[in-house]
Every structure is written in C-alpha cells, then in structure tokens.
C-alpha cells in the first residue's frame, strides 16, 4: 500500500503513542538490567517479562515508524459530498431486520481510537465506498451476506477527540 489515509487527529494520536513508547525505552532497559543482576536468567521471570515487553514495544515502534511515511493526512473539516468516502458518517438499515447501524469511515490505523468507526480497507468499508443515499449495499460478514440500505451520509469533521 503506497498511501494510507488518516485524519489529522489520528495522525497526532499515532505520533503521541510513538513518543510515549520511545520515552519508555530507558525504563524497560533498566528493568532488564535489574533482572539480570538477580542471577540465573533461565528461571528469572522478571527478566523474561521485561524482555518480552521490550520486544513488543520495539515491534510497535517499528510498525508506527514504518507507517508514518505512508500516511496521507486528511483534514476532516474539508470533507463533504453526497457519496461515501473517507471521513463520512453513514447511517445504514439492515433490509431484512430493519436494524440500524452508524459507522464513520476512517483509516485502518485510527479505528481503535474512535467508537463506531470502521476502516475504509475493511470489507464493510470497501462495500460502502462510493455509495449514495438510498443505495443498497451487500456486505459479507461472518454470519453471512447482509443487505443494507444507505439512509444518510454526513461529514461531521473530526471523529476523534484530542484531549490536549
């Protein structure tokens, strides 16, 4: 994937997470050093836990850093239109059960920050892209094939609240 869409708010949250992880490096290194001093490393649970934490932290840092250059940062305040695209909040109705759902389409790395969001790269997001109000959409989900009608499309600006 050459470009990954992300909102300005999502980008700031990813950057903040990266900075936080990097600040934790000395703390984790110190925990490893202290655990090493306890002696036999084969049976040293504290050492193994600290090494595992370090490995997971470094993997996350590498993941975020590799994505940063690929991000296409989008100002959600400038979005609009009558077709579903990145940043749209969509109201859907299950044609069979009349159950209503509401999703905001965001980038794959920021959906965890926003309740009620779905990645534009997910099967749901892919099925919705380009649709208009009144269109029917078939989405393949774990329980099978579900048909939805697009009731409403809104562009409400930022979907993620930054508490700064």
N, C-alpha and C. Protein backbone atom coordinates (compact mmCIF):
# COMPACT_ATOMS: atom_id res chain seq x y z
N UNK A 1 0.86 -1.18 0.00
CA UNK A 1 0.00 0.00 0.00
C UNK A 1 0.90 1.23 0.00
N UNK A 2 0.70 2.11 -0.96
CA UNK A 2 1.58 3.26 -1.09
C UNK A 2 1.15 4.43 -0.21
N UNK A 3 -0.14 4.59 0.00
CA UNK A 3 -0.64 5.71 0.79
C UNK A 3 -1.74 5.21 1.72
N UNK A 4 -1.66 5.64 2.99
CA UNK A 4 -2.64 5.23 3.99
C UNK A 4 -3.36 6.47 4.48
N UNK A 5 -4.67 6.57 4.25
CA UNK A 5 -5.39 7.75 4.73
C UNK A 5 -5.51 7.75 6.24
N UNK A 6 -5.37 8.93 6.83
CA UNK A 6 -5.52 9.10 8.27
C UNK A 6 -5.94 10.54 8.52
N UNK A 7 -6.80 10.74 9.50
CA UNK A 7 -7.21 12.10 9.85
C UNK A 7 -6.07 12.80 10.57
N UNK A 8 -6.12 14.13 10.62
CA UNK A 8 -5.11 14.89 11.36
C UNK A 8 -5.08 14.45 12.82
N UNK A 9 -6.26 14.20 13.39
CA UNK A 9 -6.35 13.80 14.79
C UNK A 9 -5.76 12.41 14.99
N UNK A 10 -6.05 11.50 14.08
CA UNK A 10 -5.48 10.16 14.15
C UNK A 10 -3.97 10.19 14.04
N UNK A 11 -3.46 11.04 13.15
CA UNK A 11 -2.01 11.18 12.98
C UNK A 11 -1.37 11.68 14.28
N UNK A 12 -2.00 12.67 14.89
CA UNK A 12 -1.46 13.20 16.16
C UNK A 12 -1.45 12.13 17.24
N UNK A 13 -2.49 11.30 17.29
CA UNK A 13 -2.54 10.23 18.29
C UNK A 13 -1.46 9.18 18.03
N UNK A 14 -1.23 8.84 16.78
CA UNK A 14 -0.18 7.88 16.45
C UNK A 14 1.20 8.45 16.81
N UNK A 15 1.40 9.72 16.53
CA UNK A 15 2.67 10.38 16.86
C UNK A 15 2.87 10.42 18.38
N UNK A 16 1.80 10.70 19.10
CA UNK A 16 1.86 10.74 20.56
C UNK A 16 2.19 9.36 21.13
N UNK A 17 1.59 8.31 20.57
CA UNK A 17 1.88 6.95 21.01
C UNK A 17 3.35 6.61 20.75
N UNK A 18 3.86 6.99 19.59
CA UNK A 18 5.25 6.73 19.25
C UNK A 18 6.19 7.41 20.24
N UNK A 19 5.92 8.67 20.55
CA UNK A 19 6.75 9.41 21.50
C UNK A 19 6.71 8.76 22.88
N UNK A 20 5.53 8.33 23.30
CA UNK A 20 5.38 7.67 24.60
C UNK A 20 6.17 6.37 24.67
N UNK A 21 6.09 5.57 23.61
CA UNK A 21 6.83 4.31 23.58
C UNK A 21 8.33 4.56 23.64
N UNK A 22 8.80 5.56 22.92
CA UNK A 22 10.23 5.86 22.92
C UNK A 22 10.70 6.33 24.29
N UNK A 23 9.85 7.05 25.01
CA UNK A 23 10.19 7.51 26.36
C UNK A 23 10.27 6.34 27.34
N UNK A 24 9.58 5.23 27.04
CA UNK A 24 9.59 4.06 27.93
C UNK A 24 10.83 3.20 27.75
N UNK A 25 11.59 3.41 26.70
CA UNK A 25 12.78 2.58 26.42
C UNK A 25 13.75 2.51 27.62
N UNK A 26 14.14 3.66 28.21
CA UNK A 26 15.09 3.58 29.34
C UNK A 26 14.51 2.79 30.53
N UNK A 27 13.25 2.95 30.79
CA UNK A 27 12.60 2.23 31.89
C UNK A 27 12.66 0.72 31.67
N UNK A 28 12.38 0.29 30.46
CA UNK A 28 12.41 -1.14 30.15
C UNK A 28 13.84 -1.67 30.18
N UNK A 29 14.77 -0.89 29.67
CA UNK A 29 16.19 -1.30 29.72
C UNK A 29 16.66 -1.44 31.16
N UNK A 30 16.24 -0.54 32.01
CA UNK A 30 16.60 -0.61 33.43
C UNK A 30 15.99 -1.84 34.09
N UNK A 31 14.74 -2.17 33.75
CA UNK A 31 14.11 -3.38 34.30
C UNK A 31 14.87 -4.63 33.88
N UNK A 32 15.35 -4.66 32.65
CA UNK A 32 16.15 -5.80 32.16
C UNK A 32 17.47 -5.87 32.93
N UNK A 33 18.12 -4.73 33.10
CA UNK A 33 19.40 -4.68 33.82
C UNK A 33 19.24 -5.18 35.25
N UNK A 34 18.21 -4.71 35.94
CA UNK A 34 17.98 -5.12 37.32
C UNK A 34 17.67 -6.62 37.41
N UNK A 35 16.88 -7.12 36.47
CA UNK A 35 16.53 -8.54 36.47
C UNK A 35 17.76 -9.40 36.20
N UNK A 36 18.67 -8.91 35.35
CA UNK A 36 19.91 -9.65 35.06
C UNK A 36 20.75 -9.82 36.32
N UNK A 37 20.74 -8.79 37.16
CA UNK A 37 21.54 -8.81 38.38
C UNK A 37 21.04 -9.85 39.39
N UNK A 38 19.83 -10.32 39.20
CA UNK A 38 19.27 -11.30 40.12
C UNK A 38 19.88 -12.69 39.94
N UNK A 39 20.62 -12.89 38.87
CA UNK A 39 21.31 -14.17 38.71
C UNK A 39 20.82 -14.97 37.52
N UNK A 40 20.66 -16.25 37.71
CA UNK A 40 20.31 -17.23 36.68
C UNK A 40 19.15 -16.75 35.80
N UNK A 41 19.43 -16.52 34.54
CA UNK A 41 18.41 -15.97 33.63
C UNK A 41 17.41 -17.02 33.16
N UNK A 42 17.76 -18.29 33.24
CA UNK A 42 16.85 -19.35 32.77
C UNK A 42 15.56 -19.39 33.58
N UNK A 43 15.64 -19.09 34.85
CA UNK A 43 14.46 -19.17 35.72
C UNK A 43 14.06 -17.80 36.27
N UNK A 44 14.44 -16.77 35.57
CA UNK A 44 14.19 -15.41 36.04
C UNK A 44 12.97 -14.84 35.32
N UNK A 45 11.79 -14.95 35.94
CA UNK A 45 10.54 -14.49 35.33
C UNK A 45 10.53 -13.00 35.04
N UNK A 46 11.12 -12.21 35.94
CA UNK A 46 11.17 -10.76 35.74
C UNK A 46 11.97 -10.39 34.51
N UNK A 47 13.07 -11.10 34.31
CA UNK A 47 13.91 -10.85 33.14
C UNK A 47 13.14 -11.18 31.85
N UNK A 48 12.52 -12.35 31.83
CA UNK A 48 11.81 -12.77 30.63
C UNK A 48 10.61 -11.85 30.33
N UNK A 49 9.92 -11.40 31.37
CA UNK A 49 8.79 -10.47 31.19
C UNK A 49 9.28 -9.13 30.64
N UNK A 50 10.40 -8.64 31.17
CA UNK A 50 10.94 -7.36 30.70
C UNK A 50 11.42 -7.47 29.25
N UNK A 51 12.03 -8.60 28.90
CA UNK A 51 12.48 -8.80 27.51
C UNK A 51 11.28 -8.89 26.56
N UNK A 52 10.23 -9.56 27.01
CA UNK A 52 9.03 -9.66 26.18
C UNK A 52 8.40 -8.28 25.98
N UNK A 53 8.33 -7.51 27.06
CA UNK A 53 7.79 -6.14 26.97
C UNK A 53 8.63 -5.31 26.00
N UNK A 54 9.95 -5.45 26.10
CA UNK A 54 10.83 -4.72 25.21
C UNK A 54 10.60 -5.11 23.75
N UNK A 55 10.46 -6.39 23.50
CA UNK A 55 10.22 -6.87 22.13
C UNK A 55 8.92 -6.35 21.56
N UNK A 56 7.87 -6.38 22.36
CA UNK A 56 6.56 -5.89 21.89
C UNK A 56 6.60 -4.38 21.66
N UNK A 57 7.28 -3.67 22.56
CA UNK A 57 7.38 -2.23 22.43
C UNK A 57 8.17 -1.85 21.18
N UNK A 58 9.29 -2.52 20.94
CA UNK A 58 10.10 -2.22 19.76
C UNK A 58 9.36 -2.56 18.47
N UNK A 59 8.60 -3.65 18.50
CA UNK A 59 7.81 -4.01 17.31
C UNK A 59 6.78 -2.93 17.01
N UNK A 60 6.12 -2.41 18.04
CA UNK A 60 5.12 -1.35 17.84
C UNK A 60 5.80 -0.07 17.33
N UNK A 61 6.94 0.28 17.91
CA UNK A 61 7.68 1.46 17.45
C UNK A 61 8.03 1.31 15.97
N UNK A 62 8.56 0.16 15.59
CA UNK A 62 8.93 -0.07 14.19
C UNK A 62 7.70 0.00 13.27
N UNK A 63 6.58 -0.57 13.74
CA UNK A 63 5.36 -0.53 12.94
C UNK A 63 4.92 0.92 12.70
N UNK A 64 4.83 1.70 13.77
CA UNK A 64 4.37 3.09 13.64
C UNK A 64 5.33 3.89 12.76
N UNK A 65 6.64 3.74 12.99
CA UNK A 65 7.61 4.49 12.19
C UNK A 65 7.52 4.12 10.71
N UNK A 66 7.27 2.85 10.42
CA UNK A 66 7.16 2.45 9.01
C UNK A 66 5.91 3.02 8.36
N UNK A 67 4.86 3.24 9.14
CA UNK A 67 3.61 3.76 8.60
C UNK A 67 3.63 5.28 8.43
N UNK A 68 4.38 5.99 9.27
CA UNK A 68 4.36 7.45 9.27
C UNK A 68 4.64 8.04 7.88
N UNK A 69 5.59 7.46 7.17
CA UNK A 69 5.95 7.99 5.84
C UNK A 69 4.86 7.71 4.81
N UNK A 70 4.01 6.74 5.08
CA UNK A 70 2.97 6.36 4.13
C UNK A 70 1.65 7.10 4.36
N UNK A 71 1.54 7.79 5.48
CA UNK A 71 0.27 8.44 5.81
C UNK A 71 -0.06 9.58 4.86
N UNK A 72 -1.31 9.61 4.44
CA UNK A 72 -1.88 10.74 3.71
C UNK A 72 -2.80 11.42 4.72
N UNK A 73 -2.30 12.49 5.36
CA UNK A 73 -3.02 13.15 6.44
C UNK A 73 -4.12 14.03 5.84
N UNK A 74 -5.35 13.80 6.32
CA UNK A 74 -6.52 14.48 5.76
C UNK A 74 -7.20 15.33 6.82
N UNK A 75 -7.52 16.56 6.45
CA UNK A 75 -8.27 17.46 7.33
C UNK A 75 -9.75 17.13 7.18
N UNK A 76 -10.34 16.53 8.21
CA UNK A 76 -11.73 16.08 8.15
C UNK A 76 -12.71 17.25 8.00
N UNK A 77 -12.28 18.46 8.33
CA UNK A 77 -13.16 19.63 8.22
C UNK A 77 -13.40 20.03 6.76
N UNK A 78 -12.55 19.54 5.86
CA UNK A 78 -12.65 19.93 4.45
C UNK A 78 -13.44 18.92 3.62
N UNK A 79 -13.88 17.83 4.25
CA UNK A 79 -14.55 16.77 3.50
C UNK A 79 -16.04 17.04 3.34
N UNK A 80 -16.61 16.50 2.30
CA UNK A 80 -18.04 16.63 2.05
C UNK A 80 -18.42 15.88 0.80
N UNK A 81 -19.68 15.96 0.48
CA UNK A 81 -20.15 15.32 -0.74
C UNK A 81 -21.35 14.45 -0.49
N UNK A 82 -21.85 13.84 -1.57
CA UNK A 82 -23.04 13.00 -1.46
C UNK A 82 -22.73 11.52 -1.65
N UNK A 83 -21.44 11.20 -1.75
CA UNK A 83 -21.02 9.80 -1.86
C UNK A 83 -20.17 9.44 -0.65
N UNK A 84 -20.23 8.18 -0.27
CA UNK A 84 -19.47 7.71 0.88
C UNK A 84 -17.98 7.65 0.53
N UNK A 85 -17.18 8.30 1.37
CA UNK A 85 -15.73 8.29 1.20
C UNK A 85 -15.10 8.37 2.59
N UNK A 86 -13.79 8.45 2.63
CA UNK A 86 -13.08 8.59 3.90
C UNK A 86 -13.69 9.75 4.67
N UNK A 87 -13.93 9.56 5.96
CA UNK A 87 -14.44 10.61 6.82
C UNK A 87 -15.95 10.69 6.89
N UNK A 88 -16.65 9.95 6.07
CA UNK A 88 -18.12 10.00 6.07
C UNK A 88 -18.66 9.23 7.28
N UNK A 89 -19.74 9.77 7.86
CA UNK A 89 -20.50 9.04 8.87
C UNK A 89 -21.77 8.59 8.16
N UNK A 90 -22.01 7.29 8.22
CA UNK A 90 -23.05 6.67 7.42
C UNK A 90 -24.08 5.98 8.31
N UNK A 91 -25.35 6.24 8.04
CA UNK A 91 -26.44 5.52 8.70
C UNK A 91 -26.96 4.46 7.75
N UNK A 92 -27.01 3.23 8.25
CA UNK A 92 -27.45 2.09 7.44
C UNK A 92 -28.63 1.40 8.12
N UNK A 93 -29.44 0.73 7.30
CA UNK A 93 -30.53 -0.08 7.84
C UNK A 93 -30.47 -1.45 7.18
N UNK A 94 -30.46 -2.49 8.03
CA UNK A 94 -30.50 -3.86 7.53
C UNK A 94 -31.85 -4.05 6.85
N UNK A 95 -31.83 -4.40 5.58
CA UNK A 95 -33.05 -4.53 4.78
C UNK A 95 -33.97 -5.63 5.34
N UNK A 96 -33.39 -6.68 5.89
CA UNK A 96 -34.17 -7.81 6.38
C UNK A 96 -34.72 -7.59 7.80
N UNK A 97 -33.87 -7.06 8.71
CA UNK A 97 -34.27 -6.95 10.13
C UNK A 97 -34.64 -5.53 10.55
N UNK A 98 -34.40 -4.55 9.70
CA UNK A 98 -34.61 -3.13 10.00
C UNK A 98 -33.68 -2.60 11.11
N UNK A 99 -32.66 -3.39 11.47
CA UNK A 99 -31.68 -2.93 12.47
C UNK A 99 -30.84 -1.82 11.85
N UNK A 100 -30.64 -0.76 12.64
CA UNK A 100 -29.88 0.40 12.15
C UNK A 100 -28.46 0.36 12.70
N UNK A 101 -27.52 0.82 11.88
CA UNK A 101 -26.11 0.91 12.25
C UNK A 101 -25.59 2.27 11.80
N UNK A 102 -24.58 2.75 12.52
CA UNK A 102 -23.95 4.03 12.19
C UNK A 102 -22.44 3.83 12.25
N UNK A 103 -21.77 4.14 11.15
CA UNK A 103 -20.32 3.99 11.08
C UNK A 103 -19.68 5.27 10.56
N UNK A 104 -18.47 5.53 11.04
CA UNK A 104 -17.63 6.57 10.47
C UNK A 104 -16.45 5.87 9.81
N UNK A 105 -16.21 6.17 8.54
CA UNK A 105 -15.13 5.52 7.80
C UNK A 105 -13.83 6.27 8.03
N UNK A 106 -12.85 5.54 8.59
CA UNK A 106 -11.55 6.11 8.90
C UNK A 106 -10.45 5.21 8.35
N UNK A 107 -9.22 5.64 8.53
CA UNK A 107 -8.08 4.84 8.10
C UNK A 107 -7.88 3.64 9.02
N UNK A 108 -7.16 2.64 8.55
CA UNK A 108 -7.00 1.40 9.31
C UNK A 108 -6.26 1.56 10.62
N UNK A 109 -5.43 2.58 10.77
CA UNK A 109 -4.64 2.73 11.99
C UNK A 109 -5.31 3.60 13.04
N UNK A 110 -6.49 4.13 12.74
CA UNK A 110 -7.13 5.02 13.72
C UNK A 110 -8.49 4.54 14.18
N UNK A 111 -8.99 3.45 13.66
CA UNK A 111 -10.33 3.00 14.04
C UNK A 111 -10.41 2.60 15.51
N UNK A 112 -9.30 2.19 16.09
CA UNK A 112 -9.30 1.83 17.51
C UNK A 112 -9.49 3.02 18.43
N UNK A 113 -9.25 4.21 17.93
CA UNK A 113 -9.39 5.43 18.73
C UNK A 113 -10.82 5.96 18.74
N UNK A 114 -11.65 5.49 17.84
CA UNK A 114 -12.97 6.08 17.64
C UNK A 114 -14.06 5.01 17.66
N UNK A 115 -14.90 5.07 18.68
CA UNK A 115 -16.00 4.12 18.78
C UNK A 115 -16.97 4.34 17.61
N UNK A 116 -17.42 3.24 17.03
CA UNK A 116 -18.37 3.34 15.92
C UNK A 116 -17.70 3.59 14.58
N UNK A 117 -16.39 3.41 14.53
CA UNK A 117 -15.70 3.62 13.26
C UNK A 117 -15.38 2.29 12.62
N UNK A 118 -15.14 2.34 11.33
CA UNK A 118 -14.76 1.16 10.56
C UNK A 118 -13.70 1.60 9.56
N UNK A 119 -12.73 0.72 9.32
CA UNK A 119 -11.65 1.03 8.39
C UNK A 119 -12.19 1.04 6.96
N UNK A 120 -11.70 1.98 6.18
CA UNK A 120 -12.09 2.01 4.76
C UNK A 120 -11.53 0.81 4.02
N UNK A 121 -10.57 0.10 4.63
CA UNK A 121 -9.99 -1.07 3.99
C UNK A 121 -10.67 -2.38 4.40
N UNK A 122 -11.56 -2.30 5.39
CA UNK A 122 -12.28 -3.50 5.85
C UNK A 122 -13.34 -3.88 4.81
N UNK A 123 -13.86 -5.10 4.88
CA UNK A 123 -14.93 -5.49 3.94
C UNK A 123 -16.14 -4.54 4.00
N UNK A 124 -16.50 -4.10 5.20
CA UNK A 124 -17.63 -3.16 5.33
C UNK A 124 -17.29 -1.83 4.67
N UNK A 125 -16.09 -1.31 4.99
CA UNK A 125 -15.66 -0.04 4.41
C UNK A 125 -15.58 -0.09 2.89
N UNK A 126 -14.99 -1.16 2.38
CA UNK A 126 -14.86 -1.32 0.93
C UNK A 126 -16.22 -1.37 0.24
N UNK A 127 -17.17 -2.07 0.86
CA UNK A 127 -18.50 -2.19 0.26
C UNK A 127 -19.23 -0.84 0.25
N UNK A 128 -18.96 0.01 1.24
CA UNK A 128 -19.66 1.29 1.35
C UNK A 128 -19.07 2.38 0.46
N UNK A 129 -17.79 2.34 0.19
CA UNK A 129 -17.14 3.41 -0.57
C UNK A 129 -17.84 3.67 -1.91
N UNK A 130 -18.12 4.94 -2.17
CA UNK A 130 -18.71 5.34 -3.44
C UNK A 130 -20.23 5.25 -3.49
N UNK A 131 -20.86 4.70 -2.46
CA UNK A 131 -22.32 4.58 -2.45
C UNK A 131 -22.96 5.92 -2.09
N UNK A 132 -24.23 6.05 -2.46
CA UNK A 132 -25.01 7.27 -2.19
C UNK A 132 -26.21 6.93 -1.32
N UNK A 133 -26.83 7.99 -0.81
CA UNK A 133 -28.06 7.80 -0.02
C UNK A 133 -29.10 7.08 -0.86
N UNK A 134 -29.75 6.07 -0.27
CA UNK A 134 -30.75 5.29 -0.98
C UNK A 134 -30.22 4.04 -1.64
N UNK A 135 -28.90 3.95 -1.81
CA UNK A 135 -28.31 2.76 -2.41
C UNK A 135 -28.43 1.57 -1.47
N UNK A 136 -28.50 0.39 -2.06
CA UNK A 136 -28.44 -0.83 -1.27
C UNK A 136 -27.06 -1.42 -1.42
N UNK A 137 -26.54 -1.93 -0.30
CA UNK A 137 -25.17 -2.43 -0.24
C UNK A 137 -25.21 -3.85 0.33
N UNK A 138 -24.52 -4.76 -0.33
CA UNK A 138 -24.39 -6.12 0.18
C UNK A 138 -23.02 -6.25 0.82
N UNK A 139 -23.02 -6.67 2.09
CA UNK A 139 -21.78 -6.82 2.83
C UNK A 139 -21.68 -8.27 3.31
N UNK A 140 -20.54 -8.86 3.06
CA UNK A 140 -20.29 -10.23 3.51
C UNK A 140 -19.65 -10.12 4.90
N UNK A 141 -20.36 -10.64 5.90
CA UNK A 141 -19.89 -10.63 7.29
C UNK A 141 -19.80 -12.07 7.78
N UNK A 142 -19.21 -12.28 8.96
CA UNK A 142 -19.07 -13.67 9.44
C UNK A 142 -20.37 -14.47 9.46
N UNK A 143 -21.49 -13.81 9.73
CA UNK A 143 -22.76 -14.55 9.79
C UNK A 143 -23.37 -14.76 8.40
N UNK A 144 -22.70 -14.23 7.38
CA UNK A 144 -23.18 -14.41 6.01
C UNK A 144 -23.33 -13.10 5.27
N UNK A 145 -24.24 -13.09 4.35
CA UNK A 145 -24.48 -11.93 3.48
C UNK A 145 -25.58 -11.07 4.10
N UNK A 146 -25.27 -9.77 4.26
CA UNK A 146 -26.25 -8.83 4.82
C UNK A 146 -26.44 -7.69 3.83
N UNK A 147 -27.70 -7.32 3.63
CA UNK A 147 -28.01 -6.23 2.71
C UNK A 147 -28.48 -5.03 3.53
N UNK A 148 -27.84 -3.89 3.26
CA UNK A 148 -28.16 -2.65 3.95
C UNK A 148 -28.62 -1.60 2.95
N UNK A 149 -29.46 -0.70 3.43
CA UNK A 149 -29.80 0.49 2.66
C UNK A 149 -29.09 1.66 3.31
N UNK A 150 -28.48 2.52 2.49
CA UNK A 150 -27.82 3.72 2.98
C UNK A 150 -28.90 4.76 3.25
N UNK A 151 -29.09 5.09 4.54
CA UNK A 151 -30.12 6.05 4.92
C UNK A 151 -29.63 7.49 4.87
N UNK A 152 -28.37 7.69 5.28
CA UNK A 152 -27.87 9.06 5.39
C UNK A 152 -26.35 9.06 5.32
N UNK A 153 -25.80 10.12 4.76
CA UNK A 153 -24.35 10.32 4.70
C UNK A 153 -24.06 11.72 5.22
N UNK A 154 -23.18 11.80 6.21
CA UNK A 154 -22.80 13.10 6.79
C UNK A 154 -21.28 13.21 6.84
N UNK A 155 -20.81 14.41 6.78
CA UNK A 155 -19.40 14.70 7.01
C UNK A 155 -19.37 15.68 8.18
N UNK A 156 -19.04 15.16 9.36
CA UNK A 156 -19.15 15.94 10.60
C UNK A 156 -17.83 16.50 11.10
N UNK A 157 -16.79 16.44 10.29
CA UNK A 157 -15.50 16.90 10.77
C UNK A 157 -14.81 15.81 11.58
N UNK A 158 -13.89 16.20 12.46
CA UNK A 158 -13.10 15.21 13.20
C UNK A 158 -13.96 14.21 13.96
N UNK A 159 -13.59 12.94 13.82
CA UNK A 159 -14.31 11.86 14.50
C UNK A 159 -13.65 11.51 15.81
N UNK A 160 -12.39 11.95 15.98
CA UNK A 160 -11.62 11.63 17.17
C UNK A 160 -11.41 12.91 17.97
N UNK A 161 -11.66 12.83 19.26
CA UNK A 161 -11.47 13.96 20.13
C UNK A 161 -10.08 13.89 20.74
N UNK A 162 -9.33 14.97 20.63
CA UNK A 162 -8.00 15.04 21.24
C UNK A 162 -8.10 15.83 22.53
N UNK A 163 -7.70 15.20 23.61
CA UNK A 163 -7.71 15.87 24.92
C UNK A 163 -6.35 16.44 25.19
N UNK A 164 -6.09 17.63 24.64
CA UNK A 164 -4.76 18.25 24.81
C UNK A 164 -4.85 19.45 25.70
